[in-house]
Amino acid sequence: MKPDQVLAIITDLSTAKGAPKTIDPNVVARELAGPDSKDWGRMARQLRSVFVRLAQEGSIELIRKGKVTDPTE
């Protein structure tokens, strides 16, 4: 799984959703893995490192409880 691929999915989902543009990580996993819950469940765990990397690069913000958080926490 490449960060560019994940960022493209996040961008597509954000554009389609409109404001506010928060995306559930599980939705990204489902987009990548398809409808099988076992596949996207495993994918969701793998995505965390990609999300952290994208946040460190400034491509996305990680939000917890409505607030932007440090991606290294």
N, C-alpha and C. Protein backbone atom coordinates (compact mmCIF):
# COMPACT_ATOMS: atom_id res chain seq x y z
N MET A 1 0.85 -1.17 0.00
CA MET A 1 0.00 0.00 0.00
C MET A 1 0.89 1.23 0.00
N LYS A 2 0.67 2.10 -0.96
CA LYS A 2 1.51 3.28 -1.11
C LYS A 2 0.80 4.51 -0.54
N PRO A 3 1.56 5.39 0.13
CA PRO A 3 0.96 6.61 0.68
C PRO A 3 0.23 7.45 -0.38
N ASP A 4 0.76 7.51 -1.59
CA ASP A 4 0.10 8.29 -2.64
C ASP A 4 -1.29 7.73 -2.96
N GLN A 5 -1.40 6.40 -2.95
CA GLN A 5 -2.68 5.74 -3.20
C GLN A 5 -3.67 6.08 -2.09
N VAL A 6 -3.20 6.02 -0.85
CA VAL A 6 -4.06 6.34 0.29
C VAL A 6 -4.48 7.80 0.24
N LEU A 7 -3.54 8.70 -0.04
CA LEU A 7 -3.86 10.13 -0.13
C LEU A 7 -4.88 10.39 -1.24
N ALA A 8 -4.75 9.70 -2.36
CA ALA A 8 -5.71 9.87 -3.46
C ALA A 8 -7.11 9.46 -3.02
N ILE A 9 -7.22 8.38 -2.27
CA ILE A 9 -8.54 7.94 -1.78
C ILE A 9 -9.09 8.95 -0.79
N ILE A 10 -8.26 9.43 0.12
CA ILE A 10 -8.70 10.44 1.09
C ILE A 10 -9.18 11.69 0.36
N THR A 11 -8.44 12.12 -0.64
CA THR A 11 -8.81 13.31 -1.42
C THR A 11 -10.14 13.09 -2.13
N ASP A 12 -10.31 11.95 -2.77
CA ASP A 12 -11.56 11.65 -3.47
C ASP A 12 -12.74 11.62 -2.50
N LEU A 13 -12.56 10.97 -1.35
CA LEU A 13 -13.64 10.91 -0.37
C LEU A 13 -13.97 12.29 0.18
N SER A 14 -12.95 13.11 0.42
CA SER A 14 -13.17 14.46 0.94
C SER A 14 -13.92 15.32 -0.06
N THR A 15 -13.54 15.21 -1.32
CA THR A 15 -14.20 15.99 -2.37
C THR A 15 -15.66 15.58 -2.49
N ALA A 16 -15.92 14.30 -2.45
CA ALA A 16 -17.29 13.80 -2.58
C ALA A 16 -18.14 14.17 -1.37
N LYS A 17 -17.51 14.18 -0.20
CA LYS A 17 -18.25 14.43 1.04
C LYS A 17 -18.57 15.90 1.25
N GLY A 18 -17.67 16.78 0.86
CA GLY A 18 -17.85 18.19 1.14
C GLY A 18 -17.48 18.51 2.58
N ALA A 19 -17.78 19.71 3.02
CA ALA A 19 -17.40 20.14 4.37
C ALA A 19 -18.37 19.58 5.39
N PRO A 20 -17.95 19.23 6.59
CA PRO A 20 -16.56 19.11 7.01
C PRO A 20 -15.92 17.89 6.37
N LYS A 21 -14.66 17.97 6.16
CA LYS A 21 -13.96 16.92 5.41
C LYS A 21 -13.20 15.98 6.32
N THR A 22 -13.89 15.38 7.25
CA THR A 22 -13.26 14.37 8.08
C THR A 22 -13.64 13.01 7.50
N ILE A 23 -12.67 12.12 7.47
CA ILE A 23 -12.87 10.81 6.89
C ILE A 23 -12.51 9.75 7.92
N ASP A 24 -13.42 8.84 8.15
CA ASP A 24 -13.17 7.72 9.07
C ASP A 24 -12.11 6.81 8.43
N PRO A 25 -11.06 6.47 9.16
CA PRO A 25 -10.02 5.58 8.61
C PRO A 25 -10.57 4.25 8.10
N ASN A 26 -11.65 3.76 8.71
CA ASN A 26 -12.24 2.51 8.25
C ASN A 26 -12.84 2.64 6.85
N VAL A 27 -13.31 3.82 6.51
CA VAL A 27 -13.85 4.05 5.18
C VAL A 27 -12.73 3.95 4.14
N VAL A 28 -11.57 4.49 4.47
CA VAL A 28 -10.42 4.39 3.57
C VAL A 28 -10.02 2.93 3.42
N ALA A 29 -10.00 2.20 4.52
CA ALA A 29 -9.66 0.78 4.46
C ALA A 29 -10.65 0.01 3.59
N ARG A 30 -11.92 0.32 3.70
CA ARG A 30 -12.94 -0.35 2.88
C ARG A 30 -12.74 -0.04 1.40
N GLU A 31 -12.40 1.19 1.10
CA GLU A 31 -12.14 1.57 -0.29
C GLU A 31 -10.97 0.78 -0.87
N LEU A 32 -9.95 0.58 -0.08
CA LEU A 32 -8.77 -0.15 -0.55
C LEU A 32 -9.00 -1.66 -0.62
N ALA A 33 -9.69 -2.20 0.36
CA ALA A 33 -9.78 -3.66 0.50
C ALA A 33 -11.05 -4.27 -0.06
N GLY A 34 -12.08 -3.46 -0.28
CA GLY A 34 -13.34 -4.02 -0.73
C GLY A 34 -14.27 -4.33 0.43
N PRO A 35 -15.37 -5.01 0.15
CA PRO A 35 -16.41 -5.20 1.16
C PRO A 35 -16.14 -6.26 2.23
N ASP A 36 -15.17 -7.12 2.04
CA ASP A 36 -14.91 -8.18 3.02
C ASP A 36 -14.38 -7.57 4.32
N SER A 37 -15.13 -7.72 5.41
CA SER A 37 -14.75 -7.08 6.68
C SER A 37 -13.41 -7.58 7.21
N LYS A 38 -13.06 -8.81 6.94
CA LYS A 38 -11.75 -9.31 7.40
C LYS A 38 -10.62 -8.59 6.68
N ASP A 39 -10.79 -8.40 5.37
CA ASP A 39 -9.75 -7.72 4.59
C ASP A 39 -9.59 -6.27 5.02
N TRP A 40 -10.70 -5.55 5.14
CA TRP A 40 -10.54 -4.14 5.49
C TRP A 40 -10.17 -3.96 6.94
N GLY A 41 -10.52 -4.91 7.79
CA GLY A 41 -10.09 -4.84 9.19
C GLY A 41 -8.58 -4.94 9.32
N ARG A 42 -7.98 -5.86 8.58
CA ARG A 42 -6.52 -5.96 8.56
C ARG A 42 -5.90 -4.73 7.92
N MET A 43 -6.54 -4.23 6.88
CA MET A 43 -6.04 -3.05 6.17
C MET A 43 -6.07 -1.83 7.10
N ALA A 44 -7.08 -1.69 7.92
CA ALA A 44 -7.20 -0.55 8.82
C ALA A 44 -5.99 -0.48 9.76
N ARG A 45 -5.57 -1.62 10.25
CA ARG A 45 -4.40 -1.63 11.14
C ARG A 45 -3.14 -1.20 10.40
N GLN A 46 -3.00 -1.63 9.17
CA GLN A 46 -1.82 -1.27 8.37
C GLN A 46 -1.83 0.21 7.99
N LEU A 47 -3.01 0.77 7.83
CA LEU A 47 -3.12 2.16 7.40
C LEU A 47 -2.62 3.16 8.44
N ARG A 48 -2.64 2.79 9.68
CA ARG A 48 -2.24 3.74 10.73
C ARG A 48 -0.87 4.34 10.43
N SER A 49 0.10 3.53 10.06
CA SER A 49 1.44 4.06 9.79
C SER A 49 1.43 4.98 8.58
N VAL A 50 0.59 4.67 7.60
CA VAL A 50 0.50 5.54 6.42
C VAL A 50 -0.13 6.88 6.81
N PHE A 51 -1.18 6.84 7.64
CA PHE A 51 -1.81 8.08 8.09
C PHE A 51 -0.83 8.94 8.88
N VAL A 52 -0.05 8.32 9.75
CA VAL A 52 0.94 9.06 10.53
C VAL A 52 1.96 9.71 9.60
N ARG A 53 2.43 8.96 8.64
CA ARG A 53 3.41 9.51 7.69
C ARG A 53 2.84 10.69 6.91
N LEU A 54 1.61 10.55 6.42
CA LEU A 54 0.98 11.64 5.67
C LEU A 54 0.78 12.87 6.56
N ALA A 55 0.44 12.65 7.82
CA ALA A 55 0.27 13.77 8.75
C ALA A 55 1.60 14.45 9.03
N GLN A 56 2.66 13.66 9.19
CA GLN A 56 3.98 14.25 9.42
C GLN A 56 4.44 15.07 8.23
N GLU A 57 4.05 14.66 7.03
CA GLU A 57 4.40 15.40 5.80
C GLU A 57 3.52 16.63 5.61
N GLY A 58 2.43 16.73 6.37
CA GLY A 58 1.52 17.86 6.25
C GLY A 58 0.43 17.66 5.20
N SER A 59 0.30 16.44 4.69
CA SER A 59 -0.71 16.17 3.66
C SER A 59 -2.11 16.03 4.24
N ILE A 60 -2.20 15.56 5.48
CA ILE A 60 -3.48 15.41 6.16
C ILE A 60 -3.30 15.82 7.62
N GLU A 61 -4.42 15.99 8.32
CA GLU A 61 -4.40 16.22 9.76
C GLU A 61 -5.11 15.05 10.41
N LEU A 62 -4.58 14.60 11.53
CA LEU A 62 -5.24 13.56 12.31
C LEU A 62 -6.07 14.25 13.38
N ILE A 63 -7.32 13.85 13.47
CA ILE A 63 -8.24 14.49 14.42
C ILE A 63 -8.77 13.42 15.36
N ARG A 64 -8.66 13.72 16.66
CA ARG A 64 -9.23 12.85 17.71
C ARG A 64 -10.09 13.72 18.61
N LYS A 65 -11.28 13.25 18.86
CA LYS A 65 -12.21 13.98 19.72
C LYS A 65 -12.37 15.42 19.27
N GLY A 66 -12.39 15.63 17.95
CA GLY A 66 -12.64 16.95 17.38
C GLY A 66 -11.45 17.88 17.34
N LYS A 67 -10.28 17.41 17.75
CA LYS A 67 -9.10 18.27 17.77
C LYS A 67 -7.96 17.65 16.98
N VAL A 68 -7.19 18.51 16.30
CA VAL A 68 -6.01 18.04 15.58
C VAL A 68 -5.01 17.53 16.60
N THR A 69 -4.43 16.37 16.33
CA THR A 69 -3.50 15.76 17.27
C THR A 69 -2.13 15.57 16.63
N ASP A 70 -1.15 15.43 17.47
CA ASP A 70 0.21 15.14 17.04
C ASP A 70 0.25 13.73 16.49
N PRO A 71 0.70 13.54 15.25
CA PRO A 71 0.69 12.21 14.66
C PRO A 71 1.60 11.20 15.34
N THR A 72 2.54 11.66 16.15
CA THR A 72 3.45 10.74 16.81
C THR A 72 2.89 10.22 18.14
N GLU A 73 1.77 10.76 18.58
CA GLU A 73 1.18 10.31 19.85
C GLU A 73 0.29 9.12 19.65
